[in-house]
Amino acid sequence: MKMKTYKKVLAIVAGLLCLLMVSVSFAGHPEIPRIAIDELKNLIDTKSEVIILDVQLKDIYDKGHIKGALSLPWKAELTDADVDKLAKDKLIITYCDCGPGEADSSDLANQLIGLGFSNVKVLGDPAIRGWKKAGYPVELR
């Protein structure tokens, strides 16, 4: 293979790898509605009926989570038993600290929808980081 052709092939492969990395970093379920940090804060302040689910590992949840949030760590396959205490007709908002695409929280939200929950949204990036940066209330366990 000529050196020029070899360089072109390397450039194409590098470009494809970059595209793959970008698509993976923005993975998730974009069809699930996102809610902004300020919108969630407003729902809490107006005492709206909302269930907030922190899908991070329990030890991360314990170190600081949105005040009032319940811990429901992400898992590959939720069952009805995992969510039997959650009201299927209330607004549920999931969040994580996964960055753009909110991979874990959007996957858990998608699973909730699959289990019959009708009103599920994902707290958009920067999610919990943005919540803390805004100075909004967090709790420790």
Protein backbone atom coordinates (compact mmCIF):
# COMPACT_ATOMS: atom_id res chain seq x y z
CA MET A 1 0.00 0.00 0.00
CA LYS A 2 1.34 3.42 -0.92
CA MET A 3 2.08 5.81 1.94
CA LYS A 4 -0.50 8.33 0.64
CA THR A 5 -3.24 5.71 0.55
CA TYR A 6 -2.24 4.46 3.99
CA LYS A 7 -2.56 7.98 5.43
CA LYS A 8 -5.99 8.40 3.84
CA VAL A 9 -7.17 5.11 5.33
CA LEU A 10 -5.84 6.13 8.75
CA ALA A 11 -7.61 9.49 8.50
CA ILE A 12 -10.89 7.79 7.59
CA VAL A 13 -10.56 5.29 10.45
CA ALA A 14 -9.73 8.08 12.90
CA GLY A 15 -12.75 10.06 11.72
CA LEU A 16 -15.05 7.06 12.12
CA LEU A 17 -13.72 6.44 15.62
CA CYS A 18 -14.39 10.07 16.55
CA LEU A 19 -17.95 9.79 15.24
CA LEU A 20 -18.45 6.60 17.22
CA MET A 21 -17.15 8.22 20.40
CA VAL A 22 -19.42 11.24 19.94
CA SER A 23 -22.48 9.09 19.30
CA VAL A 24 -21.73 6.95 22.36
CA SER A 25 -21.26 10.01 24.59
CA PHE A 26 -24.65 11.33 23.49
CA ALA A 27 -26.33 7.96 23.84
CA GLY A 28 -29.58 7.73 25.65
CA HIS A 29 -33.19 8.10 24.76
CA PRO A 30 -33.65 11.52 23.17
CA GLU A 31 -37.34 10.81 22.63
CA ILE A 32 -37.98 11.06 26.38
CA PRO A 33 -38.75 14.66 27.35
CA ARG A 34 -36.08 16.57 29.28
CA ILE A 35 -36.80 19.04 32.04
CA ALA A 36 -34.51 21.93 32.92
CA ILE A 37 -33.06 22.36 36.39
CA ASP A 38 -35.02 25.58 36.99
CA GLU A 39 -38.27 23.87 35.94
CA LEU A 40 -37.71 21.10 38.47
CA LYS A 41 -36.88 23.62 41.17
CA ASN A 42 -40.14 25.43 40.38
CA LEU A 43 -42.13 22.17 40.64
CA ILE A 44 -40.60 21.52 44.06
CA ASP A 45 -41.17 25.11 45.23
CA THR A 46 -44.83 25.02 44.19
CA LYS A 47 -45.23 21.66 45.95
CA SER A 48 -46.30 19.93 42.75
CA GLU A 49 -46.73 16.19 42.94
CA VAL A 50 -43.50 14.88 41.50
CA ILE A 51 -41.38 11.83 42.20
CA ILE A 52 -37.67 12.47 41.77
CA LEU A 53 -35.44 9.44 41.23
CA ASP A 54 -31.67 9.54 41.63
CA VAL A 55 -30.39 6.66 39.50
CA GLN A 56 -26.78 6.86 40.68
CA LEU A 57 -25.16 4.25 42.90
CA LYS A 58 -26.45 4.35 46.47
CA ASP A 59 -23.12 5.50 47.92
CA ILE A 60 -23.10 8.47 45.51
CA TYR A 61 -26.73 9.24 46.39
CA ASP A 62 -25.79 9.19 50.08
CA LYS A 63 -23.08 11.82 49.50
CA GLY A 64 -25.59 14.37 48.19
CA HIS A 65 -28.80 14.21 46.20
CA ILE A 66 -31.63 16.55 45.27
CA LYS A 67 -33.68 17.16 48.39
CA GLY A 68 -36.59 14.75 48.43
CA ALA A 69 -35.19 12.45 45.73
CA LEU A 70 -35.49 8.70 46.14
CA SER A 71 -32.61 6.36 45.38
CA LEU A 72 -33.29 3.92 42.55
CA PRO A 73 -29.86 2.96 41.18
CA TRP A 74 -29.72 2.15 37.48
CA LYS A 75 -29.86 -1.49 36.56
CA ALA A 76 -30.07 -3.19 33.20
CA GLU A 77 -33.58 -4.50 33.74
CA LEU A 78 -36.11 -3.06 36.18
CA THR A 79 -38.94 -5.28 37.35
CA ASP A 80 -42.37 -4.41 38.69
CA ALA A 81 -41.08 -5.33 42.16
CA ASP A 82 -38.39 -2.61 41.88
CA VAL A 83 -41.02 0.09 41.36
CA ASP A 84 -44.12 -1.26 43.08
CA LYS A 85 -44.22 1.66 45.55
CA LEU A 86 -44.19 4.34 42.80
CA ALA A 87 -47.43 5.85 41.51
CA LYS A 88 -47.74 5.16 37.80
CA ASP A 89 -49.81 8.29 37.12
CA LYS A 90 -47.55 10.89 38.81
CA LEU A 91 -44.82 12.88 37.14
CA ILE A 92 -41.51 11.07 37.60
CA ILE A 93 -38.19 12.77 36.94
CA THR A 94 -35.00 10.75 36.76
CA TYR A 95 -31.49 12.13 37.02
CA CYS A 96 -27.87 11.05 37.11
CA ASP A 97 -24.45 12.59 36.56
CA CYS A 98 -23.82 11.02 33.17
CA GLY A 99 -23.32 14.13 31.07
CA PRO A 100 -24.90 14.84 27.69
CA GLY A 101 -27.44 12.21 26.74
CA GLU A 102 -28.11 11.36 30.39
CA ALA A 103 -27.45 7.70 29.56
CA ASP A 104 -28.38 6.08 32.88
CA SER A 105 -31.30 8.34 33.77
CA SER A 106 -32.77 8.20 30.28
CA ASP A 107 -32.41 4.42 30.18
CA LEU A 108 -34.14 4.06 33.54
CA ALA A 109 -36.86 6.47 32.37
CA ASN A 110 -37.34 4.36 29.26
CA GLN A 111 -37.65 1.24 31.41
CA LEU A 112 -40.26 2.98 33.59
CA ILE A 113 -42.28 3.83 30.50
CA GLY A 114 -42.03 0.18 29.46
CA LEU A 115 -43.44 -0.80 32.86
CA GLY A 116 -46.51 1.39 32.35
CA PHE A 117 -45.51 4.74 33.85
CA SER A 118 -47.20 7.44 31.83
CA ASN A 119 -45.46 10.71 32.74
CA VAL A 120 -41.69 10.36 32.88
CA LYS A 121 -39.04 13.00 32.18
CA VAL A 122 -35.27 13.23 32.50
CA LEU A 123 -33.46 16.08 34.23
CA GLY A 124 -31.31 17.48 31.44
CA ASP A 125 -27.56 17.86 31.58
CA PRO A 126 -25.86 19.17 33.72
CA ALA A 127 -28.42 17.46 36.00
CA ILE A 128 -27.17 17.06 39.57
CA ARG A 129 -23.97 19.04 38.86
CA GLY A 130 -26.03 21.97 37.63
CA TRP A 131 -28.43 21.63 40.55
CA LYS A 132 -25.56 21.89 43.04
CA LYS A 133 -23.88 24.72 41.12
CA ALA A 134 -27.13 26.71 41.26
CA GLY A 135 -27.08 26.34 45.05
CA TYR A 136 -30.32 24.38 45.16
CA PRO A 137 -30.97 22.17 48.20
CA VAL A 138 -29.30 18.79 48.53
CA GLU A 139 -29.55 16.19 51.26
CA LEU A 140 -27.02 13.74 52.62
CA ARG A 141 -27.82 10.31 54.01
